[in-house]
Amino acid sequence: MLGPDYRLGFLSSCPPSSSVGLVAYPFCYAIYLSMTRKYVGVRPSGWLRQLRSSSLRRLLPARLINSFIFTFGSVAVKLVLGMIMALVLTSGVRFRRLLTGVLLIPWVAPTVVSALNFL
């Protein structure tokens, strides 16, 4: 038999299921847009036609290589900067509190900007 708080259980399971839709739709739409030529006010051409074209087959390896270089390069830079930030935040260096504030500004700024937009 269900306890007195069974309705709360159903309510608490709704946000995760709705967040899947909030993540899956933009992800799938981004994949769709990446495979089409998108012009403002013009209907995009079919992505299958683009895949069959010889110019795309010629440029596809270069695009893939550039994508991998950008992805791994940006992850490497973020890893190095994150490790430096972690070392500064946990070390006993002088002006650690000031450095903590400066390092956390990029993390706090988007929240402040969105809060000011609601005003």
C-alpha atoms as a PDB file:
ATOM      1  CA  MET A   1       0.000   0.000   0.000  1.00  0.00           C
ATOM      2  CA  LEU A   2       1.214   3.493  -0.822  1.00  0.00           C
ATOM      3  CA  GLY A   3       2.049   5.902   1.964  1.00  0.00           C
ATOM      4  CA  PRO A   4       0.539   9.369   2.442  1.00  0.00           C
ATOM      5  CA  ASP A   5       3.262  11.031   0.343  1.00  0.00           C
ATOM      6  CA  TYR A   6       2.840   8.993  -2.842  1.00  0.00           C
ATOM      7  CA  ARG A   7       1.688  12.050  -4.836  1.00  0.00           C
ATOM      8  CA  LEU A   8       4.942  13.797  -3.999  1.00  0.00           C
ATOM      9  CA  GLY A   9       6.814  10.879  -5.563  1.00  0.00           C
ATOM     10  CA  PHE A  10       4.997  11.358  -8.868  1.00  0.00           C
ATOM     11  CA  LEU A  11       5.687  15.096  -8.793  1.00  0.00           C
ATOM     12  CA  SER A  12       9.361  14.578  -8.103  1.00  0.00           C
ATOM     13  CA  SER A  13       9.680  12.196 -11.052  1.00  0.00           C
ATOM     14  CA  CYS A  14       8.259  14.737 -13.525  1.00  0.00           C
ATOM     15  CA  PRO A  15      11.257  17.120 -13.765  1.00  0.00           C
ATOM     16  CA  PRO A  16      13.766  14.463 -14.868  1.00  0.00           C
ATOM     17  CA  SER A  17      11.440  13.156 -17.554  1.00  0.00           C
ATOM     18  CA  SER A  18      10.718  16.666 -18.843  1.00  0.00           C
ATOM     19  CA  SER A  19      14.403  17.556 -18.854  1.00  0.00           C
ATOM     20  CA  VAL A  20      15.062  14.655 -21.224  1.00  0.00           C
ATOM     21  CA  GLY A  21      12.745  16.353 -23.708  1.00  0.00           C
ATOM     22  CA  LEU A  22      14.408  19.691 -23.082  1.00  0.00           C
ATOM     23  CA  VAL A  23      17.797  18.191 -23.880  1.00  0.00           C
ATOM     24  CA  ALA A  24      16.883  15.688 -26.603  1.00  0.00           C
ATOM     25  CA  TYR A  25      14.922  18.053 -28.862  1.00  0.00           C
ATOM     26  CA  PRO A  26      17.636  20.761 -29.151  1.00  0.00           C
ATOM     27  CA  PHE A  27      20.289  18.062 -29.585  1.00  0.00           C
ATOM     28  CA  CYS A  28      18.418  16.379 -32.442  1.00  0.00           C
ATOM     29  CA  TYR A  29      17.541  19.731 -34.014  1.00  0.00           C
ATOM     30  CA  ALA A  30      21.205  20.796 -33.871  1.00  0.00           C
ATOM     31  CA  ILE A  31      22.190  17.609 -35.699  1.00  0.00           C
ATOM     32  CA  TYR A  32      19.510  18.304 -38.308  1.00  0.00           C
ATOM     33  CA  LEU A  33      20.691  21.891 -38.784  1.00  0.00           C
ATOM     34  CA  SER A  34      24.328  20.822 -39.033  1.00  0.00           C
ATOM     35  CA  MET A  35      23.445  18.614 -41.985  1.00  0.00           C
ATOM     36  CA  THR A  36      21.574  21.283 -43.924  1.00  0.00           C
ATOM     37  CA  ARG A  37      22.494  24.585 -45.471  1.00  0.00           C
ATOM     38  CA  LYS A  38      20.559  27.146 -43.516  1.00  0.00           C
ATOM     39  CA  TYR A  39      19.924  30.555 -45.027  1.00  0.00           C
ATOM     40  CA  VAL A  40      17.645  33.179 -43.570  1.00  0.00           C
ATOM     41  CA  GLY A  41      14.391  33.240 -45.510  1.00  0.00           C
ATOM     42  CA  VAL A  42      15.406  30.431 -47.863  1.00  0.00           C
ATOM     43  CA  ARG A  43      14.332  26.821 -47.586  1.00  0.00           C
ATOM     44  CA  PRO A  44      17.339  24.601 -46.749  1.00  0.00           C
ATOM     45  CA  SER A  45      18.445  22.043 -49.285  1.00  0.00           C
ATOM     46  CA  GLY A  46      18.286  18.371 -48.402  1.00  0.00           C
ATOM     47  CA  TRP A  47      21.201  16.956 -46.470  1.00  0.00           C
ATOM     48  CA  LEU A  48      21.149  13.696 -48.415  1.00  0.00           C
ATOM     49  CA  ARG A  49      21.815  15.645 -51.618  1.00  0.00           C
ATOM     50  CA  GLN A  50      24.734  17.340 -49.890  1.00  0.00           C
ATOM     51  CA  LEU A  51      26.183  14.003 -48.766  1.00  0.00           C
ATOM     52  CA  ARG A  52      26.070  12.701 -52.341  1.00  0.00           C
ATOM     53  CA  SER A  53      27.882  15.687 -53.810  1.00  0.00           C
ATOM     54  CA  SER A  54      31.515  15.197 -54.748  1.00  0.00           C
ATOM     55  CA  SER A  55      32.616  18.463 -53.140  1.00  0.00           C
ATOM     56  CA  LEU A  56      31.383  17.323 -49.738  1.00  0.00           C
ATOM     57  CA  ARG A  57      33.089  13.942 -50.076  1.00  0.00           C
ATOM     58  CA  ARG A  58      36.298  15.784 -50.868  1.00  0.00           C
ATOM     59  CA  LEU A  59      35.951  18.203 -47.907  1.00  0.00           C
ATOM     60  CA  LEU A  60      34.525  15.790 -45.333  1.00  0.00           C
ATOM     61  CA  PRO A  61      37.875  14.401 -44.041  1.00  0.00           C
ATOM     62  CA  ALA A  62      39.238  17.935 -43.527  1.00  0.00           C
ATOM     63  CA  ARG A  63      36.083  18.948 -41.660  1.00  0.00           C
ATOM     64  CA  LEU A  64      36.279  15.887 -39.427  1.00  0.00           C
ATOM     65  CA  ILE A  65      39.944  16.502 -38.664  1.00  0.00           C
ATOM     66  CA  ASN A  66      39.222  20.158 -37.837  1.00  0.00           C
ATOM     67  CA  SER A  67      36.354  19.106 -35.568  1.00  0.00           C
ATOM     68  CA  PHE A  68      38.554  16.654 -33.675  1.00  0.00           C
ATOM     69  CA  ILE A  69      41.373  19.194 -33.335  1.00  0.00           C
ATOM     70  CA  PHE A  70      38.962  21.827 -32.016  1.00  0.00           C
ATOM     71  CA  THR A  71      37.251  19.382 -29.624  1.00  0.00           C
ATOM     72  CA  PHE A  72      40.392  17.892 -28.124  1.00  0.00           C
ATOM     73  CA  GLY A  73      42.188  21.253 -28.066  1.00  0.00           C
ATOM     74  CA  SER A  74      39.361  22.967 -26.199  1.00  0.00           C
ATOM     75  CA  VAL A  75      39.068  20.078 -23.730  1.00  0.00           C
ATOM     76  CA  ALA A  76      42.817  20.173 -23.110  1.00  0.00           C
ATOM     77  CA  VAL A  77      42.778  23.934 -22.495  1.00  0.00           C
ATOM     78  CA  LYS A  78      39.804  23.603 -20.131  1.00  0.00           C
ATOM     79  CA  LEU A  79      41.547  20.774 -18.279  1.00  0.00           C
ATOM     80  CA  VAL A  80      44.724  22.800 -17.767  1.00  0.00           C
ATOM     81  CA  LEU A  81      42.844  25.927 -16.683  1.00  0.00           C
ATOM     82  CA  GLY A  82      40.597  23.879 -14.389  1.00  0.00           C
ATOM     83  CA  MET A  83      43.576  22.236 -12.728  1.00  0.00           C
ATOM     84  CA  ILE A  84      45.255  25.610 -12.221  1.00  0.00           C
ATOM     85  CA  MET A  85      42.049  26.994 -10.706  1.00  0.00           C
ATOM     86  CA  ALA A  86      41.714  23.970  -8.422  1.00  0.00           C
ATOM     87  CA  LEU A  87      45.299  24.301  -7.250  1.00  0.00           C
ATOM     88  CA  VAL A  88      44.878  28.028  -6.548  1.00  0.00           C
ATOM     89  CA  LEU A  89      41.594  27.517  -4.704  1.00  0.00           C
ATOM     90  CA  THR A  90      42.985  24.780  -2.452  1.00  0.00           C
ATOM     91  CA  SER A  91      46.471  26.148  -1.858  1.00  0.00           C
ATOM     92  CA  GLY A  92      47.645  28.515   0.822  1.00  0.00           C
ATOM     93  CA  VAL A  93      48.901  31.276  -1.495  1.00  0.00           C
ATOM     94  CA  ARG A  94      48.709  34.914  -0.576  1.00  0.00           C
ATOM     95  CA  PHE A  95      45.492  36.742  -1.592  1.00  0.00           C
ATOM     96  CA  ARG A  96      43.721  33.402  -2.008  1.00  0.00           C
ATOM     97  CA  ARG A  97      40.320  34.937  -1.302  1.00  0.00           C
ATOM     98  CA  LEU A  98      40.839  37.596  -3.954  1.00  0.00           C
ATOM     99  CA  LEU A  99      41.988  34.977  -6.458  1.00  0.00           C
ATOM    100  CA  THR A 100      38.965  32.837  -5.621  1.00  0.00           C
ATOM    101  CA  GLY A 101      36.664  35.748  -6.403  1.00  0.00           C
ATOM    102  CA  VAL A 102      38.434  36.531  -9.668  1.00  0.00           C
ATOM    103  CA  LEU A 103      38.395  32.887 -10.755  1.00  0.00           C
ATOM    104  CA  LEU A 104      34.698  32.490  -9.990  1.00  0.00           C
ATOM    105  CA  ILE A 105      33.568  35.595 -11.921  1.00  0.00           C
ATOM    106  CA  PRO A 106      33.124  33.699 -15.240  1.00  0.00           C
ATOM    107  CA  TRP A 107      30.992  31.134 -13.407  1.00  0.00           C
ATOM    108  CA  VAL A 108      28.824  33.725 -11.635  1.00  0.00           C
ATOM    109  CA  ALA A 109      28.465  36.272 -14.451  1.00  0.00           C
ATOM    110  CA  PRO A 110      25.861  34.409 -16.574  1.00  0.00           C
ATOM    111  CA  THR A 111      23.601  34.025 -13.533  1.00  0.00           C
ATOM    112  CA  VAL A 112      23.859  37.708 -12.719  1.00  0.00           C
ATOM    113  CA  VAL A 113      23.155  38.713 -16.328  1.00  0.00           C
ATOM    114  CA  SER A 114      20.083  36.471 -16.536  1.00  0.00           C
ATOM    115  CA  ALA A 115      18.836  37.834 -13.199  1.00  0.00           C
ATOM    116  CA  LEU A 116      19.239  41.386 -14.467  1.00  0.00           C
ATOM    117  CA  ASN A 117      17.337  40.478 -17.648  1.00  0.00           C
ATOM    118  CA  PHE A 118      14.318  39.523 -15.562  1.00  0.00           C
ATOM    119  CA  LEU A 119      14.252  42.984 -13.999  1.00  0.00           C
END
